[in-house]
Amino acid sequence: MAYTLILHVSGELPVAGEVDELPKPTDTLLVVSNPRLRDGKELHYIDNSVVKVIWPIDRITLIEVLESEEQEKIIGFVRE
């Protein structure tokens, strides 16, 4: 199952992308597919044809994990 992440890279705007598995505490690199800005726009410092980027973990200050569409369907808002 792929996870959608928002990465907060040091000195850059937050980057959204997908990973196959969440990083482990021992990982030193993070491979991100389909990197883009949070609003879906292209990153100015990455070529348009790039589909995967490898970031060193020490450049990332925060990783946010977004809910998948499957999880949203299972756990939804209930109004009483």
PDB file of N, CA and C in Angstrom:
ATOM      1  N   MET A   1       0.842  -1.176   0.000  1.00  0.00           N
ATOM      2  CA  MET A   1       0.000   0.000   0.000  1.00  0.00           C
ATOM      3  C   MET A   1       0.885   1.237   0.000  1.00  0.00           C
ATOM      4  N   ALA A   2       0.630   2.154  -0.888  1.00  0.00           N
ATOM      5  CA  ALA A   2       1.401   3.395  -0.969  1.00  0.00           C
ATOM      6  C   ALA A   2       0.863   4.403   0.045  1.00  0.00           C
ATOM      7  N   TYR A   3       1.763   5.193   0.581  1.00  0.00           N
ATOM      8  CA  TYR A   3       1.411   6.244   1.532  1.00  0.00           C
ATOM      9  C   TYR A   3       1.673   7.597   0.884  1.00  0.00           C
ATOM     10  N   THR A   4       0.786   8.539   1.110  1.00  0.00           N
ATOM     11  CA  THR A   4       1.007   9.908   0.657  1.00  0.00           C
ATOM     12  C   THR A   4       1.577  10.685   1.825  1.00  0.00           C
ATOM     13  N   LEU A   5       2.701  11.362   1.572  1.00  0.00           N
ATOM     14  CA  LEU A   5       3.398  12.108   2.616  1.00  0.00           C
ATOM     15  C   LEU A   5       3.504  13.574   2.239  1.00  0.00           C
ATOM     16  N   ILE A   6       3.643  14.402   3.258  1.00  0.00           N
ATOM     17  CA  ILE A   6       4.072  15.785   3.072  1.00  0.00           C
ATOM     18  C   ILE A   6       5.398  15.901   3.807  1.00  0.00           C
ATOM     19  N   LEU A   7       6.438  16.213   3.053  1.00  0.00           N
ATOM     20  CA  LEU A   7       7.789  16.337   3.611  1.00  0.00           C
ATOM     21  C   LEU A   7       8.123  17.798   3.804  1.00  0.00           C
ATOM     22  N   HIS A   8       8.667  18.110   4.954  1.00  0.00           N
ATOM     23  CA  HIS A   8       9.153  19.460   5.227  1.00  0.00           C
ATOM     24  C   HIS A   8      10.673  19.395   5.136  1.00  0.00           C
ATOM     25  N   VAL A   9      11.176  19.777   3.969  1.00  0.00           N
ATOM     26  CA  VAL A   9      12.607  19.744   3.684  1.00  0.00           C
ATOM     27  C   VAL A   9      13.215  21.067   4.147  1.00  0.00           C
ATOM     28  N   SER A  10      14.364  20.997   4.793  1.00  0.00           N
ATOM     29  CA  SER A  10      15.031  22.197   5.306  1.00  0.00           C
ATOM     30  C   SER A  10      15.221  23.236   4.218  1.00  0.00           C
ATOM     31  N   GLY A  11      14.734  24.453   4.451  1.00  0.00           N
ATOM     32  CA  GLY A  11      14.932  25.566   3.544  1.00  0.00           C
ATOM     33  C   GLY A  11      14.056  25.559   2.302  1.00  0.00           C
ATOM     34  N   GLU A  12      13.095  24.647   2.195  1.00  0.00           N
ATOM     35  CA  GLU A  12      12.229  24.552   1.017  1.00  0.00           C
ATOM     36  C   GLU A  12      10.761  24.550   1.440  1.00  0.00           C
ATOM     37  N   LEU A  13       9.883  24.754   0.472  1.00  0.00           N
ATOM     38  CA  LEU A  13       8.454  24.630   0.725  1.00  0.00           C
ATOM     39  C   LEU A  13       8.109  23.157   0.934  1.00  0.00           C
ATOM     40  N   PRO A  14       7.033  22.842   1.673  1.00  0.00           N
ATOM     41  CA  PRO A  14       6.647  21.446   1.867  1.00  0.00           C
ATOM     42  C   PRO A  14       6.387  20.737   0.540  1.00  0.00           C
ATOM     43  N   VAL A  15       6.789  19.470   0.474  1.00  0.00           N
ATOM     44  CA  VAL A  15       6.696  18.664  -0.739  1.00  0.00           C
ATOM     45  C   VAL A  15       5.781  17.478  -0.477  1.00  0.00           C
ATOM     46  N   ALA A  16       4.839  17.231  -1.392  1.00  0.00           N
ATOM     47  CA  ALA A  16       3.973  16.056  -1.307  1.00  0.00           C
ATOM     48  C   ALA A  16       4.515  14.978  -2.227  1.00  0.00           C
ATOM     49  N   GLY A  17       4.238  13.727  -1.883  1.00  0.00           N
ATOM     50  CA  GLY A  17       4.661  12.615  -2.714  1.00  0.00           C
ATOM     51  C   GLY A  17       4.220  11.303  -2.108  1.00  0.00           C
ATOM     52  N   GLU A  18       4.483  10.221  -2.819  1.00  0.00           N
ATOM     53  CA  GLU A  18       4.094   8.900  -2.359  1.00  0.00           C
ATOM     54  C   GLU A  18       5.324   8.044  -2.099  1.00  0.00           C
ATOM     55  N   VAL A  19       5.195   7.169  -1.098  1.00  0.00           N
ATOM     56  CA  VAL A  19       6.225   6.178  -0.790  1.00  0.00           C
ATOM     57  C   VAL A  19       5.548   4.824  -0.667  1.00  0.00           C
ATOM     58  N   ASP A  20       6.300   3.752  -0.957  1.00  0.00           N
ATOM     59  CA  ASP A  20       5.752   2.404  -0.849  1.00  0.00           C
ATOM     60  C   ASP A  20       5.618   1.962   0.597  1.00  0.00           C
ATOM     61  N   GLU A  21       6.566   2.381   1.433  1.00  0.00           N
ATOM     62  CA  GLU A  21       6.495   2.058   2.853  1.00  0.00           C
ATOM     63  C   GLU A  21       7.045   3.223   3.662  1.00  0.00           C
ATOM     64  N   LEU A  22       6.590   3.320   4.887  1.00  0.00           N
ATOM     65  CA  LEU A  22       7.036   4.412   5.753  1.00  0.00           C
ATOM     66  C   LEU A  22       8.490   4.201   6.142  1.00  0.00           C
ATOM     67  N   PRO A  23       9.238   5.285   6.338  1.00  0.00           N
ATOM     68  CA  PRO A  23      10.654   5.143   6.696  1.00  0.00           C
ATOM     69  C   PRO A  23      10.824   4.523   8.076  1.00  0.00           C
ATOM     70  N   LYS A  24      11.864   3.743   8.191  1.00  0.00           N
ATOM     71  CA  LYS A  24      12.207   3.105   9.465  1.00  0.00           C
ATOM     72  C   LYS A  24      13.229   3.982  10.193  1.00  0.00           C
ATOM     73  N   PRO A  25      13.380   3.816  11.488  1.00  0.00           N
ATOM     74  CA  PRO A  25      14.361   4.634  12.230  1.00  0.00           C
ATOM     75  C   PRO A  25      15.793   4.476  11.732  1.00  0.00           C
ATOM     76  N   THR A  26      16.102   3.364  11.096  1.00  0.00           N
ATOM     77  CA  THR A  26      17.471   3.120  10.621  1.00  0.00           C
ATOM     78  C   THR A  26      17.715   3.634   9.203  1.00  0.00           C
ATOM     79  N   ASP A  27      16.674   4.083   8.501  1.00  0.00           N
ATOM     80  CA  ASP A  27      16.828   4.571   7.126  1.00  0.00           C
ATOM     81  C   ASP A  27      17.613   5.879   7.090  1.00  0.00           C
ATOM     82  N   THR A  28      18.418   6.030   6.043  1.00  0.00           N
ATOM     83  CA  THR A  28      19.174   7.269   5.844  1.00  0.00           C
ATOM     84  C   THR A  28      18.695   8.028   4.614  1.00  0.00           C
ATOM     85  N   LEU A  29      17.932   7.347   3.750  1.00  0.00           N
ATOM     86  CA  LEU A  29      17.398   7.954   2.531  1.00  0.00           C
ATOM     87  C   LEU A  29      15.898   7.696   2.445  1.00  0.00           C
ATOM     88  N   LEU A  30      15.192   8.587   1.759  1.00  0.00           N
ATOM     89  CA  LEU A  30      13.762   8.432   1.537  1.00  0.00           C
ATOM     90  C   LEU A  30      13.495   8.575   0.045  1.00  0.00           C
ATOM     91  N   VAL A  31      12.925   7.535  -0.579  1.00  0.00           N
ATOM     92  CA  VAL A  31      12.603   7.544  -2.005  1.00  0.00           C
ATOM     93  C   VAL A  31      11.143   7.957  -2.154  1.00  0.00           C
ATOM     94  N   VAL A  32      10.914   9.085  -2.835  1.00  0.00           N
ATOM     95  CA  VAL A  32       9.575   9.656  -2.984  1.00  0.00           C
ATOM     96  C   VAL A  32       9.193   9.653  -4.456  1.00  0.00           C
ATOM     97  N   SER A  33       8.010   9.110  -4.753  1.00  0.00           N
ATOM     98  CA  SER A  33       7.484   9.098  -6.125  1.00  0.00           C
ATOM     99  C   SER A  33       6.562  10.286  -6.329  1.00  0.00           C
ATOM    100  N   ASN A  34       6.530  10.783  -7.549  1.00  0.00           N
ATOM    101  CA  ASN A  34       5.646  11.878  -7.942  1.00  0.00           C
ATOM    102  C   ASN A  34       5.789  13.111  -7.033  1.00  0.00           C
ATOM    103  N   PRO A  35       7.012  13.631  -6.867  1.00  0.00           N
ATOM    104  CA  PRO A  35       7.195  14.801  -5.996  1.00  0.00           C
ATOM    105  C   PRO A  35       6.553  16.056  -6.587  1.00  0.00           C
ATOM    106  N   ARG A  36       5.901  16.825  -5.733  1.00  0.00           N
ATOM    107  CA  ARG A  36       5.201  18.046  -6.155  1.00  0.00           C
ATOM    108  C   ARG A  36       4.987  18.916  -4.937  1.00  0.00           C
ATOM    109  N   LEU A  37       4.613  20.166  -5.167  1.00  0.00           N
ATOM    110  CA  LEU A  37       4.230  21.018  -4.057  1.00  0.00           C
ATOM    111  C   LEU A  37       2.888  20.539  -3.510  1.00  0.00           C
ATOM    112  N   ARG A  38       2.528  20.977  -2.327  1.00  0.00           N
ATOM    113  CA  ARG A  38       1.271  20.536  -1.713  1.00  0.00           C
ATOM    114  C   ARG A  38       0.056  20.870  -2.568  1.00  0.00           C
ATOM    115  N   ASP A  39       0.126  21.948  -3.326  1.00  0.00           N
ATOM    116  CA  ASP A  39      -1.007  22.336  -4.168  1.00  0.00           C
ATOM    117  C   ASP A  39      -0.968  21.655  -5.548  1.00  0.00           C
ATOM    118  N   GLY A  40      -0.025  20.726  -5.760  1.00  0.00           N
ATOM    119  CA  GLY A  40       0.047  19.972  -7.003  1.00  0.00           C
ATOM    120  C   GLY A  40       0.962  20.561  -8.059  1.00  0.00           C
ATOM    121  N   LYS A  41       1.500  21.752  -7.819  1.00  0.00           N
ATOM    122  CA  LYS A  41       2.390  22.376  -8.797  1.00  0.00           C
ATOM    123  C   LYS A  41       3.753  21.698  -8.790  1.00  0.00           C
ATOM    124  N   GLU A  42       4.494  21.875  -9.889  1.00  0.00           N
ATOM    125  CA  GLU A  42       5.817  21.276 -10.020  1.00  0.00           C
ATOM    126  C   GLU A  42       6.827  21.981  -9.122  1.00  0.00           C
ATOM    127  N   LEU A  43       7.853  21.239  -8.733  1.00  0.00           N
ATOM    128  CA  LEU A  43       8.946  21.815  -7.950  1.00  0.00           C
ATOM    129  C   LEU A  43       9.911  22.508  -8.901  1.00  0.00           C
ATOM    130  N   HIS A  44      10.275  23.733  -8.614  1.00  0.00           N
ATOM    131  CA  HIS A  44      11.117  24.503  -9.533  1.00  0.00           C
ATOM    132  C   HIS A  44      12.539  23.962  -9.648  1.00  0.00           C
ATOM    133  N   TYR A  45      13.009  23.199  -8.672  1.00  0.00           N
ATOM    134  CA  TYR A  45      14.379  22.721  -8.678  1.00  0.00           C
ATOM    135  C   TYR A  45      14.503  21.268  -9.156  1.00  0.00           C
ATOM    136  N   ILE A  46      13.397  20.678  -9.631  1.00  0.00           N
ATOM    137  CA  ILE A  46      13.419  19.310 -10.147  1.00  0.00           C
ATOM    138  C   ILE A  46      12.927  19.333 -11.594  1.00  0.00           C
ATOM    139  N   ASP A  47      13.590  18.582 -12.457  1.00  0.00           N
ATOM    140  CA  ASP A  47      13.211  18.507 -13.873  1.00  0.00           C
ATOM    141  C   ASP A  47      11.799  17.930 -14.022  1.00  0.00           C
ATOM    142  N   ASN A  48      11.091  18.364 -15.057  1.00  0.00           N
ATOM    143  CA  ASN A  48       9.709  17.937 -15.287  1.00  0.00           C
ATOM    144  C   ASN A  48       9.560  16.436 -15.504  1.00  0.00           C
ATOM    145  N   SER A  49      10.580  15.761 -16.028  1.00  0.00           N
ATOM    146  CA  SER A  49      10.472  14.339 -16.344  1.00  0.00           C
ATOM    147  C   SER A  49      10.821  13.418 -15.171  1.00  0.00           C
ATOM    148  N   VAL A  50      11.181  13.968 -14.034  1.00  0.00           N
ATOM    149  CA  VAL A  50      11.555  13.166 -12.867  1.00  0.00           C
ATOM    150  C   VAL A  50      10.317  12.543 -12.245  1.00  0.00           C
ATOM    151  N   VAL A  51      10.384  11.229 -11.953  1.00  0.00           N
ATOM    152  CA  VAL A  51       9.258  10.540 -11.318  1.00  0.00           C
ATOM    153  C   VAL A  51       9.567  10.102  -9.890  1.00  0.00           C
ATOM    154  N   LYS A  52      10.849  10.003  -9.540  1.00  0.00           N
ATOM    155  CA  LYS A  52      11.253   9.642  -8.181  1.00  0.00           C
ATOM    156  C   LYS A  52      12.424  10.509  -7.750  1.00  0.00           C
ATOM    157  N   VAL A  53      12.414  10.865  -6.470  1.00  0.00           N
ATOM    158  CA  VAL A  53      13.506  11.646  -5.891  1.00  0.00           C
ATOM    159  C   VAL A  53      13.973  10.932  -4.632  1.00  0.00           C
ATOM    160  N   ILE A  54      15.272  10.953  -4.396  1.00  0.00           N
ATOM    161  CA  ILE A  54      15.839  10.353  -3.191  1.00  0.00           C
ATOM    162  C   ILE A  54      16.380  11.480  -2.324  1.00  0.00           C
ATOM    163  N   TRP A  55      15.769  11.662  -1.152  1.00  0.00           N
ATOM    164  CA  TRP A  55      16.202  12.692  -0.217  1.00  0.00           C
ATOM    165  C   TRP A  55      16.912  12.055   0.961  1.00  0.00           C
ATOM    166  N   PRO A  56      18.006  12.664   1.423  1.00  0.00           N
ATOM    167  CA  PRO A  56      18.620  12.187   2.670  1.00  0.00           C
ATOM    168  C   PRO A  56      17.711  12.570   3.847  1.00  0.00           C
ATOM    169  N   ILE A  57      17.528  11.653   4.757  1.00  0.00           N
ATOM    170  CA  ILE A  57      16.642  11.867   5.904  1.00  0.00           C
ATOM    171  C   ILE A  57      17.091  13.084   6.722  1.00  0.00           C
ATOM    172  N   ASP A  58      18.390  13.345   6.799  1.00  0.00           N
ATOM    173  CA  ASP A  58      18.855  14.460   7.636  1.00  0.00           C
ATOM    174  C   ASP A  58      18.466  15.834   7.084  1.00  0.00           C
ATOM    175  N   ARG A  59      17.974  15.915   5.845  1.00  0.00           N
ATOM    176  CA  ARG A  59      17.473  17.182   5.280  1.00  0.00           C
ATOM    177  C   ARG A  59      15.991  17.385   5.569  1.00  0.00           C
ATOM    178  N   ILE A  60      15.317  16.344   6.066  1.00  0.00           N
ATOM    179  CA  ILE A  60      13.879  16.402   6.319  1.00  0.00           C
ATOM    180  C   ILE A  60      13.645  16.688   7.792  1.00  0.00           C
ATOM    181  N   THR A  61      12.874  17.759   8.066  1.00  0.00           N
ATOM    182  CA  THR A  61      12.622  18.127   9.464  1.00  0.00           C
ATOM    183  C   THR A  61      11.333  17.536  10.008  1.00  0.00           C
ATOM    184  N   LEU A  62      10.376  17.230   9.114  1.00  0.00           N
ATOM    185  CA  LEU A  62       9.088  16.696   9.551  1.00  0.00           C
ATOM    186  C   LEU A  62       8.463  15.908   8.404  1.00  0.00           C
ATOM    187  N   ILE A  63       7.830  14.785   8.740  1.00  0.00           N
ATOM    188  CA  ILE A  63       7.100  13.983   7.754  1.00  0.00           C
ATOM    189  C   ILE A  63       5.663  13.851   8.233  1.00  0.00           C
ATOM    190  N   GLU A  64       4.721  14.286   7.383  1.00  0.00           N
ATOM    191  CA  GLU A  64       3.294  14.129   7.683  1.00  0.00           C
ATOM    192  C   GLU A  64       2.749  12.996   6.814  1.00  0.00           C
ATOM    193  N   VAL A  65       1.983  12.091   7.410  1.00  0.00           N
ATOM    194  CA  VAL A  65       1.372  10.985   6.683  1.00  0.00           C
ATOM    195  C   VAL A  65      -0.102  11.306   6.515  1.00  0.00           C
ATOM    196  N   LEU A  66      -0.554  11.369   5.262  1.00  0.00           N
ATOM    197  CA  LEU A  66      -1.958  11.677   4.971  1.00  0.00           C
ATOM    198  C   LEU A  66      -2.780  10.401   4.910  1.00  0.00           C
ATOM    199  N   GLU A  67      -4.073  10.522   5.198  1.00  0.00           N
ATOM    200  CA  GLU A  67      -4.973   9.382   5.108  1.00  0.00           C
ATOM    201  C   GLU A  67      -5.158   8.985   3.658  1.00  0.00           C
ATOM    202  N   SER A  68      -5.273   7.694   3.435  1.00  0.00           N
ATOM    203  CA  SER A  68      -5.576   7.227   2.086  1.00  0.00           C
ATOM    204  C   SER A  68      -7.077   7.299   1.876  1.00  0.00           C
ATOM    205  N   GLU A  69      -7.500   7.193   0.626  1.00  0.00           N
ATOM    206  CA  GLU A  69      -8.937   7.227   0.325  1.00  0.00           C
ATOM    207  C   GLU A  69      -9.643   6.031   0.945  1.00  0.00           C
ATOM    208  N   GLU A  70      -8.961   4.878   1.045  1.00  0.00           N
ATOM    209  CA  GLU A  70      -9.556   3.695   1.659  1.00  0.00           C
ATOM    210  C   GLU A  70      -9.876   3.964   3.118  1.00  0.00           C
ATOM    211  N   GLN A  71      -8.945   4.583   3.845  1.00  0.00           N
ATOM    212  CA  GLN A  71      -9.157   4.871   5.257  1.00  0.00           C
ATOM    213  C   GLN A  71     -10.280   5.873   5.453  1.00  0.00           C
ATOM    214  N   GLU A  72     -10.406   6.847   4.554  1.00  0.00           N
ATOM    215  CA  GLU A  72     -11.475   7.821   4.655  1.00  0.00           C
ATOM    216  C   GLU A  72     -12.834   7.158   4.516  1.00  0.00           C
ATOM    217  N   LYS A  73     -12.930   6.153   3.650  1.00  0.00           N
ATOM    218  CA  LYS A  73     -14.200   5.456   3.459  1.00  0.00           C
ATOM    219  C   LYS A  73     -14.554   4.618   4.677  1.00  0.00           C
ATOM    220  N   ILE A  74     -13.555   4.020   5.314  1.00  0.00           N
ATOM    221  CA  ILE A  74     -13.790   3.173   6.473  1.00  0.00           C
ATOM    222  C   ILE A  74     -14.146   4.012   7.694  1.00  0.00           C
ATOM    223  N   ILE A  75     -13.370   5.035   7.944  1.00  0.00           N
ATOM    224  CA  ILE A  75     -13.595   5.894   9.101  1.00  0.00           C
ATOM    225  C   ILE A  75     -14.065   7.236   8.591  1.00  0.00           C
ATOM    226  N   GLY A  76     -15.327   7.483   8.706  1.00  0.00           N
ATOM    227  CA  GLY A  76     -15.893   8.739   8.210  1.00  0.00           C
ATOM    228  C   GLY A  76     -16.465   9.559   9.332  1.00  0.00           C
ATOM    229  N   PHE A  77     -16.880  10.756   9.016  1.00  0.00           N
ATOM    230  CA  PHE A  77     -17.468  11.653   9.983  1.00  0.00           C
ATOM    231  C   PHE A  77     -18.909  11.211  10.231  1.00  0.00           C
ATOM    232  N   VAL A  78     -19.269  11.094  11.502  1.00  0.00           N
ATOM    233  CA  VAL A  78     -20.619  10.669  11.876  1.00  0.00           C
ATOM    234  C   VAL A  78     -21.271  11.788  12.660  1.00  0.00           C
ATOM    235  N   ARG A  79     -22.422  12.194  12.214  1.00  0.00           N
ATOM    236  CA  ARG A  79     -23.149  13.260  12.887  1.00  0.00           C
ATOM    237  C   ARG A  79     -24.361  12.660  13.595  1.00  0.00           C
ATOM    238  N   GLU A  80     -24.559  13.033  14.843  1.00  0.00           N
ATOM    239  CA  GLU A  80     -25.697  12.503  15.593  1.00  0.00           C
ATOM    240  C   GLU A  80     -26.785  13.525  15.721  1.00  0.00           C
TER     241      GLU A  80
END
